[in-house]
Protein backbone atom coordinates (compact mmCIF):
# COMPACT_ATOMS: atom_id res chain seq x y z
CA MET A 1 -47.05 -201.40 117.31
CA CYS A 2 -44.76 -200.04 119.24
CA ARG A 3 -41.42 -201.40 118.40
CA LYS A 4 -39.08 -200.40 121.07
CA ILE A 5 -35.71 -202.06 121.77
CA ILE A 6 -33.12 -201.93 124.86
CA ASP A 7 -29.38 -202.40 124.20
CA ALA A 8 -28.47 -204.92 126.60
CA HIS A 9 -24.89 -204.30 126.21
CA ILE A 10 -23.17 -201.43 125.89
CA HIS A 11 -20.09 -199.01 126.67
CA LEU A 12 -21.25 -195.96 126.76
CA ASP A 13 -18.01 -193.88 128.30
CA MET A 14 -15.49 -195.47 125.73
CA TYR A 15 -17.41 -192.79 123.41
CA GLU A 16 -16.25 -190.10 121.57
CA PRO A 17 -18.38 -187.50 123.89
CA VAL A 18 -19.85 -185.15 120.98
CA GLU A 19 -20.63 -189.36 120.19
CA CYS A 20 -22.32 -190.17 122.69
CA VAL A 21 -24.56 -186.78 123.49
CA ARG A 22 -25.19 -187.64 119.75
CA ILE A 23 -26.30 -191.67 120.40
CA LEU A 24 -28.62 -189.94 124.18
CA ASP A 25 -30.34 -187.26 121.74
CA ASP A 26 -30.99 -189.85 119.24
CA MET A 27 -32.34 -192.73 121.31
CA GLU A 28 -36.25 -191.84 121.88
CA ALA A 29 -36.40 -191.18 117.46
CA SER A 30 -34.66 -194.43 117.82
CA ASN A 31 -36.68 -196.10 119.75
CA VAL A 32 -34.16 -197.53 122.21
CA ASP A 33 -36.17 -197.08 125.43
CA ALA A 34 -32.42 -197.24 127.88
CA VAL A 35 -29.14 -198.94 127.10
CA ILE A 36 -27.46 -201.15 129.47
CA SER A 37 -23.96 -199.18 129.90
CA VAL A 38 -21.05 -201.57 131.44
CA SER A 39 -17.96 -200.68 132.87
CA ASN A 40 -14.58 -201.30 132.08
CA HIS A 41 -12.69 -200.68 135.58
CA LEU A 42 -12.99 -197.24 138.51
CA ALA A 43 -12.42 -194.65 136.41
CA SER A 44 -15.44 -196.10 134.17
CA ALA A 45 -17.61 -197.29 136.16
CA ARG A 46 -17.39 -193.46 138.05
CA GLU A 47 -17.99 -191.88 134.56
CA THR A 48 -20.71 -194.96 134.14
CA ILE A 49 -22.43 -193.73 137.15
CA GLN A 50 -22.17 -189.72 136.03
CA LEU A 51 -24.17 -190.49 132.54
CA ALA A 52 -27.09 -192.97 134.41
CA HIS A 53 -27.24 -189.53 136.49
CA ASP A 54 -27.84 -186.98 133.83
CA ASN A 55 -29.93 -189.20 131.45
CA TYR A 56 -32.41 -191.97 132.84
CA ARG A 57 -32.12 -193.82 130.16
CA VAL A 58 -28.96 -195.35 130.66
CA LYS A 59 -29.18 -198.56 133.39
CA PRO A 60 -25.39 -198.61 134.90
CA ALA A 61 -23.62 -202.17 135.90
CA ILE A 62 -20.11 -201.83 137.88
CA GLY A 63 -17.50 -204.16 137.43
CA PHE A 64 -13.59 -204.51 135.73
CA HIS A 65 -12.78 -205.97 131.72
CA PRO A 66 -10.84 -208.89 131.88
CA GLU A 67 -9.23 -207.50 128.27
CA GLN A 68 -6.84 -205.64 130.31
CA PRO A 69 -3.95 -206.06 132.58
CA ILE A 70 -5.40 -207.39 135.98
CA ALA A 71 -6.76 -204.87 139.09
CA SER A 72 -4.88 -204.21 142.16
CA ASP A 73 -6.36 -205.57 145.25
CA GLU A 74 -7.19 -201.98 145.86
CA GLU A 75 -8.92 -201.44 142.32
CA VAL A 76 -10.78 -204.26 143.24
CA GLY A 77 -11.88 -203.03 146.82
CA ASP A 78 -12.88 -199.45 145.50
CA LEU A 79 -15.30 -201.50 142.39
CA LEU A 80 -16.82 -203.79 145.06
CA SER A 81 -17.08 -201.03 147.64
CA MET A 82 -18.35 -198.73 144.54
CA ILE A 83 -20.97 -201.55 144.13
CA ASP A 84 -22.38 -201.24 147.53
CA CYS A 85 -22.31 -197.80 147.54
CA HIS A 86 -24.05 -197.77 144.28
CA LYS A 87 -26.25 -200.88 144.86
CA GLU A 88 -29.97 -199.75 144.17
CA ASP A 89 -28.51 -197.44 141.05
CA ILE A 90 -26.81 -200.46 139.13
CA VAL A 91 -28.84 -202.86 136.99
CA ALA A 92 -26.28 -205.53 137.74
CA VAL A 93 -22.07 -205.86 137.76
CA GLY A 94 -20.12 -205.77 135.18
CA GLU A 95 -18.78 -206.30 132.65
CA VAL A 96 -16.63 -209.16 134.15
CA GLY A 97 -15.02 -212.14 132.67
CA LEU A 98 -11.99 -214.04 131.83
CA PRO A 99 -9.33 -212.72 129.72
CA PHE A 100 -9.22 -215.18 126.36
CA TYR A 101 -7.86 -212.32 123.01
CA LEU A 102 -4.83 -211.54 126.07
CA ARG A 103 -4.48 -215.03 126.61
CA ARG A 104 -4.48 -215.93 123.06
CA GLU A 105 -2.58 -213.64 121.48
CA GLY A 106 -0.13 -214.28 124.48
CA LYS A 107 -0.20 -211.23 126.37
CA VAL A 108 -1.02 -213.71 129.40
CA SER A 109 -0.19 -216.99 130.19
CA THR A 110 -2.81 -217.66 132.29
CA ARG A 111 -6.03 -216.68 133.48
CA GLU A 112 -5.98 -217.95 137.14
CA ALA A 113 -5.67 -214.48 138.61
CA TYR A 114 -8.17 -213.06 136.86
CA ARG A 115 -10.61 -216.14 137.82
CA GLU A 116 -9.78 -214.85 141.40
CA THR A 117 -10.84 -211.66 140.47
CA LEU A 118 -13.92 -213.14 138.53
CA GLU A 119 -14.91 -215.18 141.36
CA VAL A 120 -15.28 -211.91 144.25
CA PHE A 121 -17.10 -210.05 141.54
CA ILE A 122 -19.59 -213.04 141.77
CA GLN A 123 -19.86 -213.62 144.51
CA LYS A 124 -20.73 -210.00 144.83
CA ALA A 125 -23.41 -210.27 142.34
CA ALA A 126 -24.95 -213.46 144.26
CA GLU A 127 -25.18 -211.29 147.70
CA LEU A 128 -26.62 -208.23 146.01
CA ASP A 129 -29.15 -210.51 143.63
CA LYS A 130 -27.73 -208.46 141.23
CA PRO A 131 -27.39 -209.62 137.35
CA ILE A 132 -24.14 -210.07 136.52
CA ALA A 133 -22.72 -209.36 132.74
CA LEU A 134 -20.09 -211.64 131.78
CA HIS A 135 -17.27 -211.47 128.96
CA ALA A 136 -16.93 -215.57 129.06
CA ILE A 137 -16.02 -216.52 125.17
CA TYR A 138 -14.34 -219.83 123.93
CA ASP A 139 -12.66 -222.38 126.65
CA ASP A 140 -13.64 -219.69 128.58
CA ALA A 141 -17.58 -220.58 129.01
CA PRO A 142 -17.58 -223.34 131.15
CA VAL A 143 -14.81 -222.13 133.97
CA VAL A 144 -17.64 -219.39 134.84
CA CYS A 145 -20.15 -221.98 134.35
CA ASP A 146 -18.55 -223.60 137.15
CA LEU A 147 -18.09 -220.23 139.05
CA LEU A 148 -21.61 -219.08 138.51
CA GLU A 149 -23.31 -222.99 140.03
CA LYS A 150 -20.71 -222.57 142.42
CA TYR A 151 -21.95 -219.46 144.16
CA SER A 152 -26.31 -219.92 142.65
CA ALA A 153 -25.91 -216.79 140.71
CA ALA A 154 -28.33 -217.72 138.33
CA LYS A 155 -28.56 -214.30 136.97
CA ALA A 156 -26.23 -214.57 134.63
CA HIS A 157 -25.86 -212.77 130.95
CA PHE A 158 -23.40 -213.97 128.60
CA HIS A 159 -22.87 -211.46 126.00
CA TRP A 160 -21.73 -211.61 122.45
CA PHE A 161 -21.48 -215.48 122.99
CA LYS A 162 -19.71 -217.51 121.09
CA GLY A 163 -18.46 -221.37 122.24
CA ASP A 164 -19.46 -225.05 121.54
CA LYS A 165 -22.65 -226.51 121.45
CA LEU A 166 -22.53 -229.34 125.05
CA THR A 167 -21.81 -225.59 127.15
CA ALA A 168 -24.61 -223.57 125.21
CA GLU A 169 -26.94 -225.93 126.07
CA ARG A 170 -25.14 -225.90 130.29
CA MET A 171 -26.08 -222.32 129.87
CA VAL A 172 -29.77 -223.04 128.46
CA ALA A 173 -30.02 -225.66 131.67
CA ASN A 174 -29.23 -223.02 134.10
CA GLY A 175 -31.79 -220.51 132.44
CA TYR A 176 -28.40 -217.83 131.43
CA PHE A 177 -29.15 -215.05 128.67
CA ILE A 178 -27.12 -214.53 125.86
CA SER A 179 -27.62 -211.24 123.85
CA VAL A 180 -26.16 -210.85 119.67
CA THR A 181 -24.88 -208.14 118.06
CA PRO A 182 -25.07 -206.24 115.04
CA ASP A 183 -22.81 -209.48 113.15
CA ILE A 184 -25.77 -211.57 113.62
CA LEU A 185 -26.04 -209.67 109.89
CA TYR A 186 -23.11 -211.42 108.26
CA GLU A 187 -21.60 -213.72 110.91
CA LYS A 188 -22.29 -217.29 110.76
CA GLU A 189 -21.78 -218.29 114.39
CA THR A 190 -23.55 -215.95 115.61
CA ARG A 191 -26.05 -216.92 113.15
CA ASP A 192 -26.55 -220.61 113.99
CA LEU A 193 -26.17 -219.87 117.88
CA ALA A 194 -29.53 -217.40 117.67
CA LYS A 195 -31.30 -220.29 115.66
CA GLU A 196 -30.79 -222.80 118.71
CA TYR A 197 -31.13 -220.30 121.70
CA PRO A 198 -34.47 -220.25 123.11
CA LEU A 199 -35.85 -216.33 122.26
CA GLY A 200 -37.00 -216.86 125.92
CA LYS A 201 -33.36 -216.48 127.38
CA MET A 202 -32.14 -213.86 124.45
CA MET A 203 -31.60 -210.20 123.92
CA VAL A 204 -30.09 -207.57 121.65
CA GLU A 205 -26.69 -205.62 122.40
CA THR A 206 -24.27 -203.29 120.10
CA ASP A 207 -21.33 -203.86 122.65
CA GLY A 208 -20.63 -200.20 121.14
CA PRO A 209 -18.43 -198.47 120.73
CA TRP A 210 -16.97 -202.00 118.46
CA PRO A 211 -16.99 -201.29 115.41
CA PHE A 212 -19.10 -203.76 112.27
CA GLY A 213 -18.92 -204.74 109.43
CA GLY A 214 -21.39 -205.55 106.04
CA ILE A 215 -23.75 -203.04 106.37
CA PHE A 216 -22.12 -201.18 109.05
CA SER A 217 -18.73 -200.73 107.91
CA GLU A 218 -17.42 -197.70 108.25
CA GLU A 219 -20.41 -196.39 110.38
CA MET A 220 -20.47 -195.57 113.98
CA THR A 221 -21.71 -198.08 116.25
CA HIS A 222 -25.26 -196.97 117.37
CA PRO A 223 -27.85 -199.05 119.07
CA HIS A 224 -30.13 -198.09 116.34
CA MET A 225 -28.56 -200.71 114.46
CA ILE A 226 -30.30 -202.97 116.89
CA HIS A 227 -33.23 -202.72 114.68
CA ARG A 228 -31.74 -204.73 111.84
CA SER A 229 -30.69 -207.85 114.33
CA VAL A 230 -34.13 -207.89 115.61
CA TYR A 231 -35.49 -208.79 111.84
CA GLU A 232 -32.46 -210.76 111.21
CA VAL A 233 -33.59 -212.90 114.36
CA SER A 234 -37.22 -213.03 113.44
CA ALA A 235 -35.83 -214.62 110.18
CA LEU A 236 -34.37 -216.79 111.79
CA LYS A 237 -36.68 -217.73 114.29
CA ARG A 238 -39.28 -217.86 111.44
CA THR A 239 -41.16 -215.74 113.95
CA SER A 240 -43.63 -212.29 113.47
CA ALA A 241 -41.12 -209.25 113.59
CA ASP A 242 -44.49 -208.30 116.41
CA GLU A 243 -43.00 -210.61 118.31
CA VAL A 244 -39.32 -211.16 118.59
CA TYR A 245 -39.23 -207.30 119.11
CA LYS A 246 -41.92 -207.87 122.37
CA ARG A 247 -39.60 -211.21 123.57
CA LEU A 248 -36.73 -209.46 123.25
CA TYR A 249 -38.00 -205.78 124.84
CA ASP A 250 -39.76 -208.18 127.78
CA ASN A 251 -36.59 -210.42 128.23
CA THR A 252 -34.48 -207.01 128.84
CA CYS A 253 -36.77 -205.57 131.69
CA ARG A 254 -36.98 -209.19 133.18
CA PHE A 255 -33.65 -210.10 133.73
CA TYR A 256 -32.74 -206.18 134.25
CA GLU A 257 -35.57 -205.53 136.83
CA LEU A 258 -36.23 -202.38 134.71
């Protein structure tokens, strides 16, 4: 069996140019069929669209990452216009969500402005019937679930999800997807989630260039790391590696309509 993988969430535009070239050049040899490359803001979205134009394996998404100062109305409008302009080219709206880490660090006192911005992007995703790639963890996740339910936006992907059991059960009931990173090799929270969440609603990702520990310490985050993640999911699920490879690959293709 050809054990192909798809990186369901990566910030390809955030790599140094030489690193990005290396990743793209390695994809065939690493059995990486595609990467879902999300964007952080307007300039990031433009670069991501160009990367996708230059390499068919790059599947772009347009959004505004919440862990930064709130976008101006003008930037949000430009991003929405860009989504409309490239609606046939993008596979998702994202990355979007709420600023958990900024709030924890005291750099943002309230998430209300971010919630309003997120609501606009969820509306757009629902309007275009596009998947939405979400940064929504811990106490932010129920708020995001409320918004998704409000607009009947069923195509939701909670990347690198962290949260309580009740919220996870709500996400399963709504048919939302999650993805796990290479920290599944050493992070109990991710391992416990992978054990409990249905395999049919899971994907795998790197969230590169975010770095990892364990056996990946001091190594540039690369989609080939996902192969180790798949084997770990296989062990945790007590399901053959061949079956897990197939399910995760098929899940991602189906969710992102690849």
